[in-house]
C-alpha atoms as a PDB file:
ATOM      1  CA  MET A   1      14.156 -16.839 -10.386  1.00  0.00           C
ATOM      2  CA  GLN A   2      10.346 -18.583 -11.355  1.00  0.00           C
ATOM      3  CA  VAL A   3       9.965 -21.466 -11.838  1.00  0.00           C
ATOM      4  CA  LEU A   4       6.550 -22.367 -14.433  1.00  0.00           C
ATOM      5  CA  LEU A   5       4.667 -25.909 -13.002  1.00  0.00           C
ATOM      6  CA  ASP A   6       2.055 -26.667 -14.224  1.00  0.00           C
ATOM      7  CA  GLU A   7      -1.498 -27.547 -11.903  1.00  0.00           C
ATOM      8  CA  GLU A   8      -1.217 -30.346 -11.402  1.00  0.00           C
ATOM      9  CA  THR A   9       2.424 -30.034 -10.169  1.00  0.00           C
ATOM     10  CA  ILE A  10       1.501 -27.619  -8.121  1.00  0.00           C
ATOM     11  CA  VAL A  11      -0.435 -29.274  -5.999  1.00  0.00           C
ATOM     12  CA  ASN A  12       1.417 -32.675  -5.770  1.00  0.00           C
ATOM     13  CA  LEU A  13       4.095 -30.357  -4.264  1.00  0.00           C
ATOM     14  CA  TRP A  14       1.846 -28.264  -1.797  1.00  0.00           C
ATOM     15  CA  LYS A  15       0.653 -32.310  -0.946  1.00  0.00           C
ATOM     16  CA  SER A  16       4.111 -33.113  -0.811  1.00  0.00           C
ATOM     17  CA  TYR A  17       4.671 -29.969   1.802  1.00  0.00           C
ATOM     18  CA  ARG A  18       2.086 -30.448   4.323  1.00  0.00           C
ATOM     19  CA  GLU A  19       2.920 -34.749   4.785  1.00  0.00           C
ATOM     20  CA  ASN A  20       6.673 -33.932   5.198  1.00  0.00           C
ATOM     21  CA  PRO A  21       8.018 -30.090   4.913  1.00  0.00           C
ATOM     22  CA  GLU A  22      10.996 -30.473   4.478  1.00  0.00           C
ATOM     23  CA  THR A  23      13.668 -26.903   3.451  1.00  0.00           C
ATOM     24  CA  GLU A  24      13.899 -28.130  -0.703  1.00  0.00           C
ATOM     25  CA  LEU A  25       9.718 -28.911  -0.956  1.00  0.00           C
ATOM     26  CA  ARG A  26       9.433 -25.362   0.414  1.00  0.00           C
ATOM     27  CA  ASN A  27      11.817 -23.443  -1.232  1.00  0.00           C
ATOM     28  CA  LYS A  28      10.562 -25.027  -4.644  1.00  0.00           C
ATOM     29  CA  ILE A  29       7.572 -23.740  -3.458  1.00  0.00           C
ATOM     30  CA  VAL A  30       8.542 -20.404  -3.217  1.00  0.00           C
ATOM     31  CA  LEU A  31      10.343 -19.609  -6.605  1.00  0.00           C
ATOM     32  CA  THR A  32       6.879 -21.332  -8.262  1.00  0.00           C
ATOM     33  CA  TYR A  33       5.484 -17.419  -6.498  1.00  0.00           C
ATOM     34  CA  ALA A  34       8.703 -15.746  -6.866  1.00  0.00           C
ATOM     35  CA  GLY A  35       7.029 -13.377 -10.153  1.00  0.00           C
ATOM     36  CA  LEU A  36       4.123 -12.485  -7.382  1.00  0.00           C
ATOM     37  CA  VAL A  37       7.290 -10.946  -5.802  1.00  0.00           C
ATOM     38  CA  LYS A  38       8.439  -9.119  -8.326  1.00  0.00           C
ATOM     39  CA  SER A  39       5.088  -7.677  -9.004  1.00  0.00           C
ATOM     40  CA  ILE A  40       4.660  -6.136  -6.009  1.00  0.00           C
ATOM     41  CA  SER A  41       8.096  -4.672  -5.311  1.00  0.00           C
ATOM     42  CA  ARG A  42       7.412  -3.003  -8.975  1.00  0.00           C
ATOM     43  CA  ARG A  43       5.000  -1.369  -7.259  1.00  0.00           C
ATOM     44  CA  ALA A  44       6.366  -0.496  -4.576  1.00  0.00           C
ATOM     45  CA  ALA A  45       9.038   1.291  -5.991  1.00  0.00           C
ATOM     46  CA  ALA A  46       7.281   2.972  -8.286  1.00  0.00           C
ATOM     47  CA  VAL A  47       5.754   4.773  -5.312  1.00  0.00           C
ATOM     48  CA  SER A  48       8.617   5.544  -3.242  1.00  0.00           C
ATOM     49  CA  GLY A  49       9.872   7.745  -7.041  1.00  0.00           C
ATOM     50  CA  ASN A  50      13.161   5.280  -6.819  1.00  0.00           C
ATOM     51  CA  TYR A  51      14.089   6.497  -3.618  1.00  0.00           C
ATOM     52  CA  VAL A  52      14.692   2.172  -2.444  1.00  0.00           C
ATOM     53  CA  ASP A  53      15.788  -0.210  -3.900  1.00  0.00           C
ATOM     54  CA  ILE A  54      14.412  -2.182  -5.927  1.00  0.00           C
ATOM     55  CA  ASP A  55      16.771  -5.248  -5.472  1.00  0.00           C
ATOM     56  CA  ASP A  56      16.011  -4.860  -1.343  1.00  0.00           C
ATOM     57  CA  LEU A  57      12.542  -4.473  -1.804  1.00  0.00           C
ATOM     58  CA  THR A  58      12.680  -8.092  -3.440  1.00  0.00           C
ATOM     59  CA  SER A  59      14.668  -9.471  -0.761  1.00  0.00           C
ATOM     60  CA  PHE A  60      12.673  -8.753   2.142  1.00  0.00           C
ATOM     61  CA  GLY A  61       9.282  -9.718  -0.346  1.00  0.00           C
ATOM     62  CA  MET A  62      11.086 -13.286  -0.593  1.00  0.00           C
ATOM     63  CA  ILE A  63      11.588 -13.995   3.384  1.00  0.00           C
ATOM     64  CA  GLY A  64       7.379 -12.956   2.900  1.00  0.00           C
ATOM     65  CA  LEU A  65       7.262 -15.146   0.799  1.00  0.00           C
ATOM     66  CA  ILE A  66       9.106 -18.056   2.475  1.00  0.00           C
ATOM     67  CA  LYS A  67       6.753 -17.073   5.603  1.00  0.00           C
ATOM     68  CA  ALA A  68       3.895 -17.306   3.404  1.00  0.00           C
ATOM     69  CA  VAL A  69       4.725 -20.803   2.465  1.00  0.00           C
ATOM     70  CA  GLU A  70       5.681 -21.879   6.196  1.00  0.00           C
ATOM     71  CA  LYS A  71       2.735 -19.930   7.190  1.00  0.00           C
ATOM     72  CA  PHE A  72       0.195 -21.297   4.888  1.00  0.00           C
ATOM     73  CA  ASP A  73      -3.454 -23.163   5.912  1.00  0.00           C
ATOM     74  CA  PRO A  74      -5.834 -24.222   3.217  1.00  0.00           C
ATOM     75  CA  ASP A  75      -8.604 -24.368   5.971  1.00  0.00           C
ATOM     76  CA  LYS A  76      -8.789 -21.217   6.103  1.00  0.00           C
ATOM     77  CA  GLY A  77     -11.294 -20.793   2.889  1.00  0.00           C
ATOM     78  CA  VAL A  78      -7.970 -17.747   0.904  1.00  0.00           C
ATOM     79  CA  THR A  79      -6.402 -19.003  -2.210  1.00  0.00           C
ATOM     80  CA  PHE A  80      -2.132 -18.790  -1.531  1.00  0.00           C
ATOM     81  CA  GLU A  81      -1.272 -16.086  -3.919  1.00  0.00           C
ATOM     82  CA  THR A  82      -3.864 -14.274  -2.097  1.00  0.00           C
ATOM     83  CA  TYR A  83      -2.351 -15.229   1.676  1.00  0.00           C
ATOM     84  CA  ALA A  84       1.567 -14.803  -0.087  1.00  0.00           C
ATOM     85  CA  THR A  85       0.266 -10.924  -1.870  1.00  0.00           C
ATOM     86  CA  TYR A  86      -0.882  -9.730   2.172  1.00  0.00           C
ATOM     87  CA  ARG A  87       2.061 -11.402   3.865  1.00  0.00           C
ATOM     88  CA  VAL A  88       5.279 -10.010   0.797  1.00  0.00           C
ATOM     89  CA  ARG A  89       3.410  -6.324   0.839  1.00  0.00           C
ATOM     90  CA  GLY A  90       3.687  -6.634   4.553  1.00  0.00           C
ATOM     91  CA  GLU A  91       7.668  -7.307   4.893  1.00  0.00           C
ATOM     92  CA  ILE A  92       8.064  -4.925   2.174  1.00  0.00           C
ATOM     93  CA  ILE A  93       6.263  -2.137   4.000  1.00  0.00           C
ATOM     94  CA  ASP A  94       7.426  -2.722   7.184  1.00  0.00           C
ATOM     95  CA  TYR A  95      10.582  -3.077   5.483  1.00  0.00           C
ATOM     96  CA  MET A  96      10.168   0.483   4.657  1.00  0.00           C
ATOM     97  CA  ARG A  97       8.644   2.139   7.384  1.00  0.00           C
ATOM     98  CA  ARG A  98      11.869   0.831   9.551  1.00  0.00           C
ATOM     99  CA  ASN A  99      14.388   2.131   6.942  1.00  0.00           C
ATOM    100  CA  ASP A 100      12.955   5.592   7.010  1.00  0.00           C
ATOM    101  CA  TRP A 101      12.527   5.519   3.093  1.00  0.00           C
ATOM    102  CA  VAL A 102      11.673   9.185   2.650  1.00  0.00           C
ATOM    103  CA  PRO A 103      14.479  11.539   1.963  1.00  0.00           C
ATOM    104  CA  ARG A 104      14.358  14.456   4.836  1.00  0.00           C
ATOM    105  CA  GLY A 105      14.368  17.533   2.516  1.00  0.00           C
ATOM    106  CA  VAL A 106      11.604  16.100   0.717  1.00  0.00           C
ATOM    107  CA  ARG A 107      10.177  15.536   3.758  1.00  0.00           C
ATOM    108  CA  LYS A 108      10.371  19.014   5.339  1.00  0.00           C
ATOM    109  CA  LYS A 109       9.532  20.446   1.527  1.00  0.00           C
ATOM    110  CA  ALA A 110       6.397  18.359   2.394  1.00  0.00           C
ATOM    111  CA  GLN A 111       5.165  19.014   5.301  1.00  0.00           C
ATOM    112  CA  ASP A 112       5.581  22.722   4.267  1.00  0.00           C
ATOM    113  CA  ILE A 113       3.224  22.792   1.665  1.00  0.00           C
ATOM    114  CA  GLU A 114       1.078  20.688   4.049  1.00  0.00           C
ATOM    115  CA  LYS A 115       1.056  23.603   6.369  1.00  0.00           C
ATOM    116  CA  ALA A 116       0.731  26.360   4.639  1.00  0.00           C
ATOM    117  CA  SER A 117      -1.838  24.697   2.096  1.00  0.00           C
ATOM    118  CA  ASP A 118      -4.199  23.678   6.244  1.00  0.00           C
ATOM    119  CA  LYS A 119      -3.661  27.778   7.006  1.00  0.00           C
ATOM    120  CA  PHE A 120      -5.345  28.696   2.896  1.00  0.00           C
ATOM    121  CA  LYS A 121      -8.306  26.151   3.732  1.00  0.00           C
ATOM    122  CA  ASN A 122      -8.754  27.434   7.088  1.00  0.00           C
ATOM    123  CA  GLU A 123      -8.828  31.468   6.165  1.00  0.00           C
ATOM    124  CA  ASN A 124      -9.959  31.316   2.385  1.00  0.00           C
ATOM    125  CA  LEU A 125     -12.558  27.849   2.883  1.00  0.00           C
ATOM    126  CA  ARG A 126     -11.092  26.025   0.218  1.00  0.00           C
ATOM    127  CA  GLU A 127      -8.131  23.807  -1.116  1.00  0.00           C
ATOM    128  CA  PRO A 128      -5.484  26.001  -3.151  1.00  0.00           C
ATOM    129  CA  THR A 129      -4.631  26.186  -6.376  1.00  0.00           C
ATOM    130  CA  GLU A 130      -0.958  24.899  -7.388  1.00  0.00           C
ATOM    131  CA  ASP A 131      -0.445  28.698  -8.665  1.00  0.00           C
ATOM    132  CA  GLU A 132      -1.601  30.135  -4.723  1.00  0.00           C
ATOM    133  CA  LEU A 133       0.903  28.264  -3.366  1.00  0.00           C
ATOM    134  CA  SER A 134       3.271  28.614  -5.440  1.00  0.00           C
ATOM    135  CA  ASP A 135       2.599  32.373  -4.051  1.00  0.00           C
ATOM    136  CA  VAL A 136       1.991  32.131  -0.649  1.00  0.00           C
ATOM    137  CA  LEU A 137       6.068  29.710  -0.200  1.00  0.00           C
ATOM    138  CA  GLY A 138       7.528  32.124  -2.937  1.00  0.00           C
ATOM    139  CA  VAL A 139       8.952  28.942  -4.898  1.00  0.00           C
ATOM    140  CA  LYS A 140       8.121  27.497  -8.158  1.00  0.00           C
ATOM    141  CA  LYS A 141       4.667  26.020  -9.429  1.00  0.00           C
ATOM    142  CA  THR A 142       6.460  23.300 -10.111  1.00  0.00           C
ATOM    143  CA  ASP A 143       8.398  22.354  -7.521  1.00  0.00           C
ATOM    144  CA  ILE A 144       5.050  22.215  -5.557  1.00  0.00           C
ATOM    145  CA  SER A 145       3.643  20.265  -8.544  1.00  0.00           C
ATOM    146  CA  GLN A 146       6.712  18.018  -7.637  1.00  0.00           C
ATOM    147  CA  ALA A 147       5.995  17.795  -3.304  1.00  0.00           C
ATOM    148  CA  LEU A 148       2.908  17.827  -3.890  1.00  0.00           C
ATOM    149  CA  CYS A 149       3.633  13.743  -5.668  1.00  0.00           C
ATOM    150  CA  ASP A 150       6.082  12.888  -3.136  1.00  0.00           C
ATOM    151  CA  SER A 151       3.509  13.670   0.023  1.00  0.00           C
ATOM    152  CA  ALA A 152       1.949  11.290  -1.855  1.00  0.00           C
ATOM    153  CA  ARG A 153       4.370   8.330  -1.766  1.00  0.00           C
ATOM    154  CA  PHE A 154       4.803   8.672   2.274  1.00  0.00           C
ATOM    155  CA  ASN A 155       1.286   8.681   2.414  1.00  0.00           C
ATOM    156  CA  LEU A 156       0.839   6.182  -0.260  1.00  0.00           C
ATOM    157  CA  ILE A 157       3.032   3.245   1.834  1.00  0.00           C
ATOM    158  CA  SER A 158       1.641   4.859   5.791  1.00  0.00           C
ATOM    159  CA  PHE A 159      -2.184   4.035   4.907  1.00  0.00           C
ATOM    160  CA  GLU A 160      -0.810   0.759   3.552  1.00  0.00           C
ATOM    161  CA  GLU A 161       0.115  -0.157   6.423  1.00  0.00           C
ATOM    162  CA  VAL A 162      -3.831   0.341   7.167  1.00  0.00           C
ATOM    163  CA  ILE A 163      -5.208  -1.340   4.409  1.00  0.00           C
ATOM    164  CA  GLN A 164      -2.825  -4.692   5.390  1.00  0.00           C
ATOM    165  CA  ASP A 165      -5.159  -4.481   8.744  1.00  0.00           C
ATOM    166  CA  THR A 166      -8.454  -5.208   7.151  1.00  0.00           C
ATOM    167  CA  VAL A 167      -7.234  -6.997   3.549  1.00  0.00           C
ATOM    168  CA  LYS A 168     -10.106  -9.637   3.254  1.00  0.00           C
ATOM    169  CA  ALA A 169     -10.854 -12.864   1.162  1.00  0.00           C
ATOM    170  CA  ASP A 170     -13.651 -14.656   0.842  1.00  0.00           C
ATOM    171  CA  GLY A 171     -15.226 -13.291   3.645  1.00  0.00           C
ATOM    172  CA  SER A 172     -12.521 -14.429   6.372  1.00  0.00           C
ATOM    173  CA  LEU A 173      -9.463 -12.630   7.403  1.00  0.00           C
ATOM    174  CA  ILE A 174      -6.598 -13.090   5.922  1.00  0.00           C
ATOM    175  CA  SER A 175      -5.012 -13.439   9.582  1.00  0.00           C
ATOM    176  CA  ASP A 176      -3.009 -16.149  11.923  1.00  0.00           C
ATOM    177  CA  GLU A 177      -3.597 -14.254  14.768  1.00  0.00           C
ATOM    178  CA  THR A 178      -5.881 -14.605  18.262  1.00  0.00           C
ATOM    179  CA  PRO A 179      -9.323 -14.395  17.884  1.00  0.00           C
ATOM    180  CA  GLU A 180      -9.744 -11.414  19.443  1.00  0.00           C
ATOM    181  CA  ALA A 181      -7.318 -10.002  16.714  1.00  0.00           C
ATOM    182  CA  SER A 182      -9.339 -11.001  14.501  1.00  0.00           C
ATOM    183  CA  LEU A 183     -12.491  -9.692  16.101  1.00  0.00           C
ATOM    184  CA  ALA A 184     -10.284  -6.910  16.433  1.00  0.00           C
ATOM    185  CA  LYS A 185      -9.399  -5.831  12.570  1.00  0.00           C
ATOM    186  CA  GLU A 186     -13.178  -6.997  11.576  1.00  0.00           C
ATOM    187  CA  GLU A 187     -14.310  -3.537  13.494  1.00  0.00           C
ATOM    188  CA  LEU A 188     -11.481  -1.654  11.867  1.00  0.00           C
ATOM    189  CA  VAL A 189     -12.769  -3.020   8.476  1.00  0.00           C
ATOM    190  CA  ASP A 190     -16.224  -1.568   9.508  1.00  0.00           C
ATOM    191  CA  THR A 191     -15.142   1.493  10.420  1.00  0.00           C
ATOM    192  CA  LEU A 192     -12.670   1.627   7.005  1.00  0.00           C
ATOM    193  CA  ALA A 193     -15.212   1.470   4.797  1.00  0.00           C
ATOM    194  CA  LYS A 194     -17.356   3.184   6.376  1.00  0.00           C
ATOM    195  CA  ALA A 195     -14.857   5.877   6.462  1.00  0.00           C
ATOM    196  CA  ILE A 196     -14.443   5.618   3.147  1.00  0.00           C
ATOM    197  CA  ASP A 197     -17.922   5.509   2.009  1.00  0.00           C
ATOM    198  CA  ASP A 198     -17.913   8.846   3.426  1.00  0.00           C
ATOM    199  CA  LEU A 199     -15.151  10.325   1.850  1.00  0.00           C
ATOM    200  CA  PRO A 200     -16.016  13.214  -0.691  1.00  0.00           C
ATOM    201  CA  GLU A 201     -17.125  11.499  -4.293  1.00  0.00           C
ATOM    202  CA  ARG A 202     -13.191  12.277  -6.399  1.00  0.00           C
ATOM    203  CA  GLU A 203     -11.399  11.360  -2.583  1.00  0.00           C
ATOM    204  CA  LYS A 204     -13.319   8.401  -2.715  1.00  0.00           C
ATOM    205  CA  LEU A 205     -12.673   6.920  -6.095  1.00  0.00           C
ATOM    206  CA  VAL A 206      -8.895   8.484  -5.520  1.00  0.00           C
ATOM    207  CA  ILE A 207      -8.646   5.696  -2.747  1.00  0.00           C
ATOM    208  CA  THR A 208     -10.177   3.053  -4.670  1.00  0.00           C
ATOM    209  CA  LEU A 209      -8.930   3.470  -7.189  1.00  0.00           C
ATOM    210  CA  TYR A 210      -4.957   3.530  -5.634  1.00  0.00           C
ATOM    211  CA  TYR A 211      -5.790   0.729  -3.150  1.00  0.00           C
ATOM    212  CA  TYR A 212      -9.071  -1.260  -4.375  1.00  0.00           C
ATOM    213  CA  GLU A 213      -7.770  -1.505  -8.279  1.00  0.00           C
ATOM    214  CA  GLU A 214      -4.505  -0.764  -7.886  1.00  0.00           C
ATOM    215  CA  LEU A 215      -3.537   2.259 -10.301  1.00  0.00           C
ATOM    216  CA  THR A 216      -0.499   4.201  -9.896  1.00  0.00           C
ATOM    217  CA  LEU A 217      -1.444   8.307  -9.282  1.00  0.00           C
ATOM    218  CA  LYS A 218      -0.351   8.509 -12.604  1.00  0.00           C
ATOM    219  CA  GLU A 219      -2.957   6.944 -14.356  1.00  0.00           C
ATOM    220  CA  ILE A 220      -6.085   8.082 -12.043  1.00  0.00           C
ATOM    221  CA  SER A 221      -4.758  11.159 -13.341  1.00  0.00           C
ATOM    222  CA  ALA A 222      -5.378  10.520 -16.502  1.00  0.00           C
ATOM    223  CA  VAL A 223      -9.191   8.474 -15.254  1.00  0.00           C
ATOM    224  CA  LEU A 224      -9.799  12.084 -14.279  1.00  0.00           C
ATOM    225  CA  SER A 225      -8.129  14.159 -16.027  1.00  0.00           C
ATOM    226  CA  VAL A 226      -6.276  16.452 -13.279  1.00  0.00           C
ATOM    227  CA  SER A 227      -3.017  16.767 -12.861  1.00  0.00           C
ATOM    228  CA  GLU A 228      -0.935  14.123 -11.142  1.00  0.00           C
ATOM    229  CA  SER A 229       0.004  16.776  -8.791  1.00  0.00           C
ATOM    230  CA  ARG A 230      -3.910  16.961  -7.903  1.00  0.00           C
ATOM    231  CA  VAL A 231      -4.321  13.915  -7.429  1.00  0.00           C
ATOM    232  CA  SER A 232      -1.973  13.160  -5.222  1.00  0.00           C
ATOM    233  CA  GLN A 233      -3.695  16.640  -3.595  1.00  0.00           C
ATOM    234  CA  LEU A 234      -7.238  15.221  -3.346  1.00  0.00           C
ATOM    235  CA  HIS A 235      -5.129  11.967  -1.647  1.00  0.00           C
ATOM    236  CA  THR A 236      -2.935  12.885   1.003  1.00  0.00           C
ATOM    237  CA  ARG A 237      -6.476  15.207   2.689  1.00  0.00           C
ATOM    238  CA  ALA A 238      -8.366  11.911   2.145  1.00  0.00           C
ATOM    239  CA  VAL A 239      -5.782   9.707   3.985  1.00  0.00           C
ATOM    240  CA  LYS A 240      -5.692  12.559   6.854  1.00  0.00           C
ATOM    241  CA  ASP A 241      -9.359  12.266   6.234  1.00  0.00           C
ATOM    242  CA  LEU A 242      -9.120   8.699   6.704  1.00  0.00           C
ATOM    243  CA  LYS A 243      -6.610   8.495   9.941  1.00  0.00           C
ATOM    244  CA  LYS A 244      -8.679  11.025  12.327  1.00  0.00           C
ATOM    245  CA  LYS A 245     -11.250   8.684  12.092  1.00  0.00           C
ATOM    246  CA  LEU A 246      -9.483   5.423  12.044  1.00  0.00           C
ATOM    247  CA  MET A 247      -7.341   7.326  15.617  1.00  0.00           C
ATOM    248  CA  ASP A 248      -8.806   4.960  17.827  1.00  0.00           C
ATOM    249  CA  TYR A 249      -7.238   1.746  15.767  1.00  0.00           C
END
């Protein structure tokens, strides 16, 4: 349950906690920002296609929020909301990855379509349409569309892990790691930025709209005037390309 406090009360609460980091004060701050966890959990649940229980995501998100309150350092020049978002998303992504949240049947279909798509592209030097994939695999076009969307879902989460390591705010990495680790992440930021910039225009737009503007795949399909499964195709292709360029990291 989120507790709504005015700005002055929040400032005083943080001041009291820094002077005396008691559990009761920490919990009051956590409740103040609980809405942030709910928002991030809803987005993660939407990405998963509801294969993951939103209550579980919220629970692990709250763990991330508690860690954020305990480790937040205002001297690093990052707002607490930004730092907490990084921590909460990271905890939720870790939970989803540990639990292999994509059903095996869904993953198998997506992998079959990806192999067929790659084979078609190598032979014809272009991406296949959904109708062509349907003919090659001998399945309904609707099954192709659904599998493409499912494939995009677990690619979204796997690439979120990369994004987590490149979050920046006010020119500083949101990290409490060693200087060496921070330097490595700075290099990753530069490499990722260049890799995204080198993508074909529509793929770059999909990556930007989803990860940085936080639009859903459905919203992006409306922006580009294409089907959601087509957006899924563009996203999957872009992520494969980006991952190849980020292999060293």
